[in-house]
């Protein structure tokens, strides 16, 4: 079961990145659907956090 919450702080972000790393340490195609869904949601949340807190100037 997924226990996902918004990424609001640097600690939240670090926890999300740790979980993403765990989920991608093996073959992503071998992930059960629930874990693949978790990976997808965490990635979206991490990207949103990064777009606000780690802006890249063009």
Protein backbone atom coordinates (compact mmCIF):
# COMPACT_ATOMS: atom_id res chain seq x y z
CA UNK A 1 0.00 0.00 0.00
CA UNK A 2 1.29 3.44 -0.91
CA UNK A 3 1.78 5.96 1.86
CA UNK A 4 2.55 9.02 -0.21
CA UNK A 5 2.30 12.61 0.98
CA UNK A 6 3.20 15.93 -0.62
CA UNK A 7 6.86 16.89 -0.70
CA UNK A 8 7.01 20.13 1.28
CA UNK A 9 10.42 20.10 2.94
CA UNK A 10 13.98 19.10 2.14
CA UNK A 11 13.55 16.09 4.44
CA UNK A 12 10.40 15.05 2.54
CA UNK A 13 12.36 15.39 -0.69
CA UNK A 14 15.26 13.30 0.63
CA UNK A 15 12.84 10.58 1.78
CA UNK A 16 11.14 10.55 -1.61
CA UNK A 17 14.48 10.32 -3.42
CA UNK A 18 15.55 7.46 -1.16
CA UNK A 19 12.35 5.57 -1.97
CA UNK A 20 12.74 6.30 -5.69
CA UNK A 21 16.26 4.91 -5.49
CA UNK A 22 14.99 1.77 -3.77
CA UNK A 23 12.30 1.27 -6.40
CA UNK A 24 14.73 1.77 -9.30
CA UNK A 25 17.58 -0.34 -7.92
CA UNK A 26 16.32 -3.38 -9.80
CA UNK A 27 14.47 -3.94 -13.05
CA UNK A 28 11.60 -1.41 -13.20
CA UNK A 29 9.72 -3.76 -15.54
CA UNK A 30 9.69 -6.36 -12.76
CA UNK A 31 7.99 -4.03 -10.26
CA UNK A 32 4.50 -5.01 -9.14
CA UNK A 33 1.88 -2.55 -10.41
CA UNK A 34 1.43 -0.95 -6.98
CA UNK A 35 5.15 -0.20 -6.71
CA UNK A 36 5.32 1.06 -10.30
CA UNK A 37 2.42 3.41 -9.49
CA UNK A 38 4.25 4.54 -6.35
CA UNK A 39 7.38 5.23 -8.40
CA UNK A 40 5.39 7.25 -10.93
CA UNK A 41 3.68 9.39 -8.27
CA UNK A 42 6.89 9.98 -6.31
CA UNK A 43 8.68 11.01 -9.50
CA UNK A 44 5.96 13.52 -10.35
CA UNK A 45 6.07 14.96 -6.83
CA UNK A 46 9.88 15.14 -6.83
CA UNK A 47 9.91 16.90 -10.20
CA UNK A 48 7.37 19.44 -8.94
CA UNK A 49 9.46 20.10 -5.82
CA UNK A 50 12.63 20.45 -7.91
CA UNK A 51 10.98 22.91 -10.30
CA UNK A 52 10.35 25.26 -7.37
CA UNK A 53 13.42 24.70 -5.19
CA UNK A 54 16.13 23.83 -7.72
CA UNK A 55 15.45 26.17 -10.62
CA UNK A 56 17.87 26.10 -13.51
CA UNK A 57 18.43 29.46 -15.14
CA UNK A 58 18.43 29.29 -18.93
